[in-house]
Amino acid sequence: MKAIVRLEEAAMFGLGFFAFAATDFAWWIFPALLLTPDLSMIGYLANSRVGAVLYNIFHHKALAVCIYLAGVYLKLDWVQLAGIILFAHSSMDRAFGYGLKYNESFARTHLGLIGNQKQ
C-alpha cells in the first residue's frame, strides 16, 4: 500500500510541475523555491508543538490549493505560484514518506515514523 501512496504523491508532484509549466515564470524559479516550505521547521526551535503546527500549515495540500485558487480569482500570479510550490513540495515530501507532524516529535508523522525512529 505504501508504494501506491508514494506513486500517487509522485503523480501529484507531477501535477504541481505541470501547473507551474503553465505559468509565465522562468523555469529556474520552480527548483529555486521548491524547498522553501521547509523553512517552517524553524518552529521546532521553540518546541515540538509550535514546530508541528507551523510545519503542518505549510505542508497542508488543501491550503495550497486554496492559495492557488485565490491567486486565480485575484489574478495574482505570485499567489498562484505560492500555491503551486506548496502543493508540489508537500506532494514531493509525501512521495519520500514524510507526512504531517504530530506534536510529540518531528519523527512521528501521519504516514508513520521517519528517520532513526523507524527501527
N, C-alpha and C. Protein backbone atom coordinates (compact mmCIF):
# COMPACT_ATOMS: atom_id res chain seq x y z
N MET A 1 0.81 -1.19 0.00
CA MET A 1 0.00 0.00 0.00
C MET A 1 0.86 1.26 0.00
N LYS A 2 1.99 1.22 0.74
CA LYS A 2 2.84 2.40 0.80
C LYS A 2 3.36 2.77 -0.58
N ALA A 3 3.64 1.77 -1.41
CA ALA A 3 4.15 2.04 -2.76
C ALA A 3 3.08 2.75 -3.59
N ILE A 4 1.84 2.37 -3.43
CA ILE A 4 0.75 3.01 -4.18
C ILE A 4 0.60 4.46 -3.74
N VAL A 5 0.66 4.70 -2.42
CA VAL A 5 0.53 6.07 -1.91
C VAL A 5 1.70 6.92 -2.43
N ARG A 6 2.90 6.37 -2.41
CA ARG A 6 4.06 7.12 -2.90
C ARG A 6 3.94 7.41 -4.39
N LEU A 7 3.44 6.46 -5.15
CA LEU A 7 3.24 6.68 -6.58
C LEU A 7 2.19 7.77 -6.81
N GLU A 8 1.12 7.73 -6.04
CA GLU A 8 0.08 8.76 -6.15
C GLU A 8 0.65 10.14 -5.84
N GLU A 9 1.45 10.23 -4.79
CA GLU A 9 2.06 11.51 -4.42
C GLU A 9 3.05 11.99 -5.48
N ALA A 10 3.79 11.07 -6.07
CA ALA A 10 4.70 11.43 -7.16
C ALA A 10 3.92 11.99 -8.35
N ALA A 11 2.75 11.39 -8.62
CA ALA A 11 1.90 11.90 -9.70
C ALA A 11 1.38 13.30 -9.37
N MET A 12 1.05 13.54 -8.10
CA MET A 12 0.60 14.88 -7.71
C MET A 12 1.74 15.89 -7.79
N PHE A 13 2.96 15.45 -7.50
CA PHE A 13 4.12 16.33 -7.69
C PHE A 13 4.21 16.70 -9.17
N GLY A 14 4.00 15.71 -10.05
CA GLY A 14 3.99 15.98 -11.49
C GLY A 14 2.90 16.97 -11.86
N LEU A 15 1.76 16.88 -11.22
CA LEU A 15 0.67 17.84 -11.46
C LEU A 15 1.10 19.25 -11.05
N GLY A 16 1.80 19.35 -9.93
CA GLY A 16 2.33 20.64 -9.50
C GLY A 16 3.32 21.20 -10.50
N PHE A 17 4.18 20.35 -11.02
CA PHE A 17 5.15 20.78 -12.03
C PHE A 17 4.43 21.21 -13.30
N PHE A 18 3.39 20.47 -13.68
CA PHE A 18 2.60 20.81 -14.87
C PHE A 18 1.91 22.16 -14.68
N ALA A 19 1.36 22.40 -13.48
CA ALA A 19 0.72 23.69 -13.21
C ALA A 19 1.74 24.82 -13.29
N PHE A 20 2.95 24.56 -12.78
CA PHE A 20 3.99 25.58 -12.86
C PHE A 20 4.36 25.85 -14.31
N ALA A 21 4.46 24.82 -15.12
CA ALA A 21 4.83 24.98 -16.53
C ALA A 21 3.81 25.84 -17.28
N ALA A 22 2.59 25.90 -16.78
CA ALA A 22 1.55 26.70 -17.43
C ALA A 22 1.65 28.18 -17.05
N THR A 23 2.56 28.52 -16.14
CA THR A 23 2.73 29.92 -15.74
C THR A 23 3.79 30.57 -16.64
N ASP A 24 3.95 31.87 -16.47
CA ASP A 24 4.95 32.60 -17.25
C ASP A 24 6.27 32.78 -16.51
N PHE A 25 6.44 32.12 -15.36
CA PHE A 25 7.67 32.24 -14.60
C PHE A 25 8.81 31.49 -15.27
N ALA A 26 10.04 31.96 -15.07
CA ALA A 26 11.22 31.28 -15.62
C ALA A 26 11.33 29.89 -14.99
N TRP A 27 11.86 28.93 -15.75
CA TRP A 27 11.93 27.54 -15.31
C TRP A 27 12.70 27.37 -14.01
N TRP A 28 13.72 28.18 -13.79
CA TRP A 28 14.58 28.01 -12.62
C TRP A 28 13.90 28.40 -11.32
N ILE A 29 12.77 29.10 -11.40
CA ILE A 29 12.03 29.50 -10.20
C ILE A 29 11.51 28.28 -9.45
N PHE A 30 11.04 27.28 -10.19
CA PHE A 30 10.47 26.08 -9.55
C PHE A 30 11.49 25.38 -8.66
N PRO A 31 12.65 24.98 -9.16
CA PRO A 31 13.61 24.33 -8.25
C PRO A 31 14.16 25.28 -7.18
N ALA A 32 14.24 26.56 -7.50
CA ALA A 32 14.76 27.51 -6.51
C ALA A 32 13.83 27.66 -5.31
N LEU A 33 12.53 27.55 -5.53
CA LEU A 33 11.56 27.74 -4.45
C LEU A 33 11.04 26.44 -3.85
N LEU A 34 11.35 25.32 -4.47
CA LEU A 34 10.73 24.05 -4.09
C LEU A 34 10.95 23.68 -2.62
N LEU A 35 12.07 24.01 -2.04
CA LEU A 35 12.34 23.63 -0.65
C LEU A 35 11.98 24.73 0.36
N THR A 36 11.51 25.88 -0.11
CA THR A 36 11.21 26.97 0.83
C THR A 36 10.14 26.63 1.88
N PRO A 37 9.15 25.77 1.60
CA PRO A 37 8.20 25.44 2.67
C PRO A 37 8.87 24.78 3.89
N ASP A 38 10.04 24.19 3.71
CA ASP A 38 10.73 23.58 4.84
C ASP A 38 11.29 24.60 5.81
N LEU A 39 11.29 25.87 5.45
CA LEU A 39 11.67 26.91 6.40
C LEU A 39 10.71 26.93 7.60
N SER A 40 9.54 26.34 7.42
CA SER A 40 8.56 26.27 8.52
C SER A 40 9.09 25.42 9.68
N MET A 41 10.11 24.62 9.44
CA MET A 41 10.68 23.80 10.51
C MET A 41 11.37 24.65 11.58
N ILE A 42 11.53 25.92 11.31
CA ILE A 42 12.15 26.81 12.29
C ILE A 42 11.33 26.84 13.58
N GLY A 43 10.05 26.52 13.49
CA GLY A 43 9.20 26.47 14.67
C GLY A 43 9.67 25.44 15.69
N TYR A 44 10.40 24.43 15.24
CA TYR A 44 10.92 23.42 16.16
C TYR A 44 11.98 24.00 17.10
N LEU A 45 12.50 25.18 16.80
CA LEU A 45 13.42 25.84 17.72
C LEU A 45 12.70 26.25 19.00
N ALA A 46 11.41 26.55 18.91
CA ALA A 46 10.62 26.91 20.09
C ALA A 46 10.29 25.64 20.88
N ASN A 47 9.58 24.72 20.24
CA ASN A 47 9.27 23.41 20.83
C ASN A 47 8.58 22.56 19.76
N SER A 48 8.35 21.30 20.07
CA SER A 48 7.80 20.41 19.05
C SER A 48 6.34 20.73 18.70
N ARG A 49 5.59 21.29 19.63
CA ARG A 49 4.20 21.66 19.33
C ARG A 49 4.14 22.80 18.32
N VAL A 50 4.88 23.87 18.58
CA VAL A 50 4.93 25.01 17.66
C VAL A 50 5.49 24.55 16.32
N GLY A 51 6.52 23.73 16.35
CA GLY A 51 7.11 23.22 15.12
C GLY A 51 6.12 22.43 14.29
N ALA A 52 5.37 21.55 14.95
CA ALA A 52 4.39 20.73 14.23
C ALA A 52 3.29 21.59 13.62
N VAL A 53 2.81 22.58 14.37
CA VAL A 53 1.75 23.45 13.85
C VAL A 53 2.23 24.21 12.62
N LEU A 54 3.40 24.85 12.71
CA LEU A 54 3.93 25.60 11.57
C LEU A 54 4.20 24.68 10.38
N TYR A 55 4.83 23.55 10.65
CA TYR A 55 5.13 22.59 9.59
C TYR A 55 3.85 22.15 8.88
N ASN A 56 2.84 21.79 9.66
CA ASN A 56 1.59 21.29 9.08
C ASN A 56 0.84 22.36 8.28
N ILE A 57 0.92 23.61 8.71
CA ILE A 57 0.29 24.69 7.94
C ILE A 57 0.93 24.79 6.56
N PHE A 58 2.25 24.78 6.52
CA PHE A 58 2.96 24.96 5.25
C PHE A 58 3.03 23.68 4.41
N HIS A 59 2.55 22.56 4.94
CA HIS A 59 2.57 21.30 4.20
C HIS A 59 1.17 20.72 4.01
N HIS A 60 0.15 21.52 4.19
CA HIS A 60 -1.23 21.06 4.03
C HIS A 60 -1.67 21.33 2.59
N LYS A 61 -1.97 20.28 1.86
CA LYS A 61 -2.27 20.44 0.44
C LYS A 61 -3.58 21.17 0.18
N ALA A 62 -4.57 21.03 1.05
CA ALA A 62 -5.82 21.76 0.86
C ALA A 62 -5.57 23.27 0.96
N LEU A 63 -4.72 23.68 1.89
CA LEU A 63 -4.37 25.09 2.00
C LEU A 63 -3.64 25.55 0.74
N ALA A 64 -2.76 24.70 0.22
CA ALA A 64 -2.03 25.03 -1.01
C ALA A 64 -3.00 25.25 -2.17
N VAL A 65 -4.00 24.39 -2.29
CA VAL A 65 -5.00 24.52 -3.36
C VAL A 65 -5.80 25.80 -3.17
N CYS A 66 -6.17 26.12 -1.93
CA CYS A 66 -6.92 27.35 -1.66
C CYS A 66 -6.10 28.59 -2.02
N ILE A 67 -4.82 28.56 -1.71
CA ILE A 67 -3.95 29.68 -2.06
C ILE A 67 -3.85 29.82 -3.57
N TYR A 68 -3.69 28.70 -4.26
CA TYR A 68 -3.63 28.74 -5.73
C TYR A 68 -4.92 29.31 -6.30
N LEU A 69 -6.06 28.84 -5.82
CA LEU A 69 -7.35 29.32 -6.34
C LEU A 69 -7.57 30.79 -6.02
N ALA A 70 -7.10 31.24 -4.86
CA ALA A 70 -7.18 32.66 -4.53
C ALA A 70 -6.36 33.47 -5.54
N GLY A 71 -5.20 32.95 -5.93
CA GLY A 71 -4.39 33.61 -6.95
C GLY A 71 -5.07 33.68 -8.29
N VAL A 72 -5.77 32.61 -8.65
CA VAL A 72 -6.53 32.60 -9.91
C VAL A 72 -7.65 33.64 -9.84
N TYR A 73 -8.40 33.63 -8.74
CA TYR A 73 -9.53 34.54 -8.58
C TYR A 73 -9.06 36.00 -8.57
N LEU A 74 -7.98 36.27 -7.86
CA LEU A 74 -7.47 37.64 -7.74
C LEU A 74 -6.56 38.05 -8.91
N LYS A 75 -6.29 37.09 -9.78
CA LYS A 75 -5.40 37.33 -10.93
C LYS A 75 -4.02 37.81 -10.47
N LEU A 76 -3.51 37.12 -9.44
CA LEU A 76 -2.19 37.41 -8.90
C LEU A 76 -1.28 36.21 -9.14
N ASP A 77 -0.39 36.34 -10.11
CA ASP A 77 0.47 35.22 -10.49
C ASP A 77 1.33 34.73 -9.34
N TRP A 78 1.84 35.64 -8.51
CA TRP A 78 2.73 35.24 -7.42
C TRP A 78 1.99 34.45 -6.35
N VAL A 79 0.68 34.68 -6.18
CA VAL A 79 -0.11 33.91 -5.23
C VAL A 79 -0.36 32.51 -5.80
N GLN A 80 -0.63 32.45 -7.10
CA GLN A 80 -0.76 31.14 -7.76
C GLN A 80 0.53 30.36 -7.60
N LEU A 81 1.67 31.03 -7.81
CA LEU A 81 2.97 30.37 -7.67
C LEU A 81 3.15 29.83 -6.26
N ALA A 82 2.78 30.59 -5.26
CA ALA A 82 2.91 30.12 -3.87
C ALA A 82 2.09 28.85 -3.65
N GLY A 83 0.88 28.82 -4.17
CA GLY A 83 0.05 27.62 -4.05
C GLY A 83 0.65 26.43 -4.77
N ILE A 84 1.19 26.66 -5.95
CA ILE A 84 1.81 25.58 -6.72
C ILE A 84 3.02 25.02 -5.98
N ILE A 85 3.86 25.90 -5.46
CA ILE A 85 5.07 25.46 -4.75
C ILE A 85 4.69 24.69 -3.49
N LEU A 86 3.73 25.20 -2.72
CA LEU A 86 3.29 24.50 -1.52
C LEU A 86 2.75 23.11 -1.85
N PHE A 87 1.94 23.03 -2.89
CA PHE A 87 1.35 21.75 -3.31
C PHE A 87 2.42 20.78 -3.79
N ALA A 88 3.29 21.24 -4.68
CA ALA A 88 4.33 20.37 -5.22
C ALA A 88 5.28 19.90 -4.13
N HIS A 89 5.67 20.81 -3.24
CA HIS A 89 6.58 20.44 -2.17
C HIS A 89 5.95 19.39 -1.25
N SER A 90 4.71 19.60 -0.87
CA SER A 90 4.03 18.65 0.02
C SER A 90 3.89 17.29 -0.64
N SER A 91 3.59 17.28 -1.92
CA SER A 91 3.49 16.01 -2.65
C SER A 91 4.85 15.32 -2.73
N MET A 92 5.90 16.09 -2.98
CA MET A 92 7.24 15.53 -3.03
C MET A 92 7.62 14.93 -1.67
N ASP A 93 7.36 15.67 -0.60
CA ASP A 93 7.66 15.16 0.74
C ASP A 93 6.96 13.84 0.99
N ARG A 94 5.69 13.77 0.67
CA ARG A 94 4.92 12.55 0.93
C ARG A 94 5.35 11.41 0.04
N ALA A 95 5.80 11.71 -1.17
CA ALA A 95 6.34 10.66 -2.03
C ALA A 95 7.59 10.04 -1.40
N PHE A 96 8.33 10.82 -0.63
CA PHE A 96 9.51 10.32 0.08
C PHE A 96 9.19 9.78 1.47
N GLY A 97 7.91 9.82 1.84
CA GLY A 97 7.50 9.23 3.11
C GLY A 97 7.39 10.20 4.27
N TYR A 98 7.54 11.49 4.02
CA TYR A 98 7.42 12.50 5.08
C TYR A 98 6.00 13.03 5.12
N GLY A 99 5.36 12.87 6.26
CA GLY A 99 3.98 13.29 6.37
C GLY A 99 3.80 14.47 7.31
N LEU A 100 2.55 14.79 7.57
CA LEU A 100 2.21 15.84 8.53
C LEU A 100 2.64 15.38 9.92
N LYS A 101 3.04 16.32 10.74
CA LYS A 101 3.67 16.01 12.03
C LYS A 101 2.67 15.98 13.18
N TYR A 102 2.95 15.08 14.13
CA TYR A 102 2.26 15.08 15.41
C TYR A 102 3.06 15.95 16.38
N ASN A 103 2.41 16.44 17.42
CA ASN A 103 3.05 17.34 18.38
C ASN A 103 4.20 16.70 19.16
N GLU A 104 4.18 15.38 19.32
CA GLU A 104 5.15 14.72 20.19
C GLU A 104 6.59 14.84 19.70
N SER A 105 6.79 14.63 18.40
CA SER A 105 8.15 14.70 17.87
C SER A 105 8.11 14.88 16.36
N PHE A 106 9.23 15.37 15.83
CA PHE A 106 9.35 15.57 14.39
C PHE A 106 9.24 14.24 13.64
N ALA A 107 9.72 13.17 14.27
CA ALA A 107 9.78 11.87 13.60
C ALA A 107 8.43 11.18 13.48
N ARG A 108 7.43 11.60 14.25
CA ARG A 108 6.12 10.94 14.21
C ARG A 108 5.21 11.69 13.25
N THR A 109 4.86 11.03 12.15
CA THR A 109 4.03 11.66 11.12
C THR A 109 2.78 10.83 10.85
N HIS A 110 1.87 11.39 10.09
CA HIS A 110 0.64 10.67 9.77
C HIS A 110 0.91 9.49 8.83
N LEU A 111 2.10 9.43 8.26
CA LEU A 111 2.47 8.30 7.40
C LEU A 111 3.34 7.28 8.15
N GLY A 112 3.59 7.54 9.41
CA GLY A 112 4.42 6.63 10.22
C GLY A 112 5.69 7.34 10.69
N LEU A 113 6.55 6.56 11.32
CA LEU A 113 7.81 7.11 11.84
C LEU A 113 8.82 7.32 10.71
N ILE A 114 9.65 8.34 10.86
CA ILE A 114 10.70 8.62 9.89
C ILE A 114 12.05 8.67 10.59
N GLY A 115 13.11 8.56 9.81
CA GLY A 115 14.46 8.70 10.33
C GLY A 115 14.87 7.56 11.23
N ASN A 116 15.70 7.86 12.23
CA ASN A 116 16.22 6.85 13.16
C ASN A 116 15.12 6.23 14.01
N GLN A 117 14.01 6.92 14.15
CA GLN A 117 12.90 6.43 14.97
C GLN A 117 12.19 5.22 14.31
N LYS A 118 12.45 5.01 13.04
CA LYS A 118 11.77 3.96 12.28
C LYS A 118 12.03 2.56 12.83
N GLN A 119 13.24 2.33 13.31
CA GLN A 119 13.60 0.97 13.77
C GLN A 119 12.88 0.56 15.01
